[in-house]
Amino acid sequence: MKDKTTLYATVLAIPNYRLTSTDKTVITFEERPAGTPQAIKAWFYPGEKFGHEFVYPATRAEELAKITNEPVPSMPSELSADVTLPITSARQPPAVALEEAPITAAEPSGEQVPVAQAFAPASLPNTASPVPLVALIGLLSLAAGFAFRIFAKQTE
């Protein structure tokens, strides 16, 4: 509406990070089979490296995890109605209920795991070589040898 007083949805999201920022809004989608509707994965504001990854109701998150073969953030399914219900004085505002919701991640196996476990950064491969360390030890040994030689000549 033009008066900006209509609430269409209250969305639950967790932080997401990308390596580069852009000057335009970026919305990423889950990879999906052909003929199925696209599912929004994350939303990044212009100029920001941190964005918002959407949290889905548990039943939908399990479906998406099986389709994409990746973990999907999830919330209890009974809170999905709070996303689109209007705020009334008779019930708790949806934002409060969603804010207090336990967030887990649906694995492709159907198992619910803690978000930190599902989205933990992968360890980097061990690609470093010991050659620079050996070279440094060699240079330090040469420097120590020259220092001892100079010290020995001065004490004679």
Protein backbone atom coordinates (compact mmCIF):
# COMPACT_ATOMS: atom_id res chain seq x y z
CA MET A 1 0.00 0.00 0.00
CA LYS A 2 1.06 3.56 -0.52
CA ASP A 3 0.73 4.49 3.17
CA LYS A 4 3.17 1.66 4.16
CA THR A 5 0.99 0.42 7.01
CA THR A 6 0.39 -3.15 5.80
CA LEU A 7 2.59 -5.93 7.18
CA TYR A 8 2.93 -8.74 4.64
CA ALA A 9 5.24 -11.06 6.55
CA THR A 10 7.60 -11.31 9.50
CA VAL A 11 10.64 -13.27 8.39
CA LEU A 12 13.14 -15.16 10.53
CA ALA A 13 16.73 -15.11 9.25
CA ILE A 14 20.26 -15.92 10.40
CA PRO A 15 23.46 -14.12 9.33
CA ASN A 16 25.09 -15.14 6.06
CA TYR A 17 28.46 -13.97 4.68
CA ARG A 18 29.86 -13.54 1.20
CA LEU A 19 33.41 -12.61 0.21
CA THR A 20 32.58 -9.61 -1.97
CA SER A 21 29.97 -6.90 -1.72
CA THR A 22 28.11 -5.42 -4.67
CA ASP A 23 26.46 -2.09 -5.31
CA LYS A 24 23.07 -3.76 -5.87
CA THR A 25 20.77 -5.95 -3.81
CA VAL A 26 21.66 -9.65 -4.24
CA ILE A 27 19.17 -12.46 -3.66
CA THR A 28 20.50 -16.01 -3.90
CA PHE A 29 18.29 -19.01 -4.57
CA GLU A 30 18.55 -22.65 -3.55
CA GLU A 31 19.45 -25.03 -6.35
CA ARG A 32 16.24 -26.82 -7.30
CA PRO A 33 15.11 -29.46 -9.80
CA ALA A 34 13.59 -28.23 -13.04
CA GLY A 35 9.89 -27.44 -12.87
CA THR A 36 9.84 -26.59 -9.14
CA PRO A 37 9.49 -23.07 -7.72
CA GLN A 38 12.64 -21.28 -6.65
CA ALA A 39 13.39 -21.03 -2.92
CA ILE A 40 15.14 -17.90 -1.66
CA LYS A 41 18.29 -18.78 0.28
CA ALA A 42 19.80 -15.40 1.23
CA TRP A 43 19.41 -11.66 0.76
CA PHE A 44 22.31 -9.16 0.75
CA TYR A 45 21.83 -5.40 0.87
CA PRO A 46 23.93 -3.20 -1.45
CA GLY A 47 27.47 -2.67 -0.19
CA GLU A 48 27.20 -5.36 2.51
CA LYS A 49 29.14 -8.60 2.86
CA PHE A 50 26.78 -9.83 5.59
CA GLY A 51 23.26 -10.75 4.58
CA HIS A 52 20.25 -12.69 5.83
CA GLU A 53 19.73 -16.41 5.25
CA PHE A 54 16.10 -17.39 5.52
CA VAL A 55 14.91 -19.92 8.09
CA TYR A 56 12.16 -22.27 6.93
CA PRO A 57 9.57 -24.22 8.95
CA ALA A 58 10.98 -27.65 9.88
CA THR A 59 8.84 -29.66 7.47
CA ARG A 60 9.71 -27.41 4.51
CA ALA A 61 13.39 -27.25 5.56
CA GLU A 62 13.57 -31.06 5.54
CA GLU A 63 12.10 -31.15 2.02
CA LEU A 64 14.56 -28.51 0.79
CA ALA A 65 17.51 -30.28 2.46
CA LYS A 66 16.66 -33.55 0.69
CA ILE A 67 16.27 -31.80 -2.68
CA THR A 68 19.47 -29.72 -2.44
CA ASN A 69 21.52 -32.23 -0.43
CA GLU A 70 22.62 -29.37 1.86
CA PRO A 71 21.60 -28.37 5.40
CA VAL A 72 18.76 -25.82 5.59
CA PRO A 73 18.09 -23.58 8.64
CA SER A 74 14.79 -24.50 10.29
CA MET A 75 12.37 -23.37 12.98
CA PRO A 76 9.47 -25.24 14.59
CA SER A 77 6.70 -25.82 12.04
CA GLU A 78 4.00 -24.51 14.39
CA LEU A 79 5.52 -21.01 14.11
CA SER A 80 5.00 -20.83 10.35
CA ALA A 81 1.56 -19.31 10.90
CA ASP A 82 3.18 -16.43 12.82
CA VAL A 83 4.90 -15.26 9.64
CA THR A 84 1.76 -13.90 8.00
CA LEU A 85 -0.68 -13.34 10.89
CA PRO A 86 -1.49 -9.72 11.72
CA ILE A 87 -0.57 -8.31 15.11
CA THR A 88 -3.52 -8.21 17.49
CA SER A 89 -3.75 -7.26 21.13
CA ALA A 90 -5.04 -10.74 21.97
CA ARG A 91 -1.81 -12.54 21.16
CA GLN A 92 1.94 -12.13 21.31
CA PRO A 93 3.43 -10.21 18.34
CA PRO A 94 4.86 -12.61 15.74
CA ALA A 95 8.31 -11.02 15.94
CA VAL A 96 8.58 -11.95 19.63
CA ALA A 97 7.55 -15.56 19.01
CA LEU A 98 9.99 -15.88 16.12
CA GLU A 99 12.77 -14.19 18.08
CA GLU A 100 12.45 -16.76 20.84
CA ALA A 101 12.20 -19.72 18.43
CA PRO A 102 14.89 -22.40 18.65
CA ILE A 103 16.75 -22.54 15.34
CA THR A 104 18.21 -25.80 14.09
CA ALA A 105 19.28 -27.10 10.70
CA ALA A 106 17.60 -29.84 8.72
CA GLU A 107 20.14 -32.24 7.26
CA PRO A 108 19.48 -34.13 4.00
CA SER A 109 19.10 -37.28 6.14
CA GLY A 110 16.09 -35.65 7.87
CA GLU A 111 17.98 -35.18 11.14
CA GLN A 112 17.76 -31.85 13.01
CA VAL A 113 21.19 -30.62 14.21
CA PRO A 114 22.40 -27.38 15.85
CA VAL A 115 22.95 -24.57 13.35
CA ALA A 116 26.58 -24.10 14.44
CA GLN A 117 27.29 -27.75 13.68
CA ALA A 118 25.59 -27.76 10.28
CA PHE A 119 27.16 -24.54 9.00
CA ALA A 120 30.60 -24.79 10.67
CA PRO A 121 33.33 -23.61 8.31
CA ALA A 122 35.25 -26.44 6.71
CA SER A 123 38.86 -26.72 7.78
CA LEU A 124 41.38 -25.51 5.26
CA PRO A 125 43.64 -28.05 3.57
CA ASN A 126 47.22 -28.31 4.79
CA THR A 127 48.97 -26.80 1.76
CA ALA A 128 51.93 -25.09 3.44
CA SER A 129 55.43 -26.44 2.98
CA PRO A 130 58.15 -26.64 5.68
CA VAL A 131 60.76 -25.26 3.21
CA PRO A 132 60.48 -21.59 4.38
CA LEU A 133 60.91 -22.68 8.01
CA VAL A 134 64.01 -24.76 7.11
CA ALA A 135 65.44 -21.79 5.18
CA LEU A 136 64.83 -19.50 8.14
CA ILE A 137 66.55 -21.92 10.53
CA GLY A 138 69.49 -22.11 8.09
CA LEU A 139 69.80 -18.31 7.92
CA LEU A 140 69.61 -18.02 11.72
CA SER A 141 72.30 -20.71 12.03
CA LEU A 142 74.58 -18.80 9.63
CA ALA A 143 73.99 -15.56 11.53
CA ALA A 144 74.77 -17.30 14.84
CA GLY A 145 77.94 -18.81 13.31
CA PHE A 146 79.16 -15.40 12.15
CA ALA A 147 78.34 -13.87 15.54
CA PHE A 148 80.36 -16.60 17.34
CA ARG A 149 83.27 -16.14 14.94
CA ILE A 150 83.34 -12.37 15.54
CA PHE A 151 83.05 -12.93 19.31
CA ALA A 152 85.86 -15.52 19.23
CA LYS A 153 88.21 -13.12 17.34
CA GLN A 154 87.52 -10.33 19.84
CA THR A 155 88.32 -12.52 22.85
CA GLU A 156 91.72 -13.72 21.46
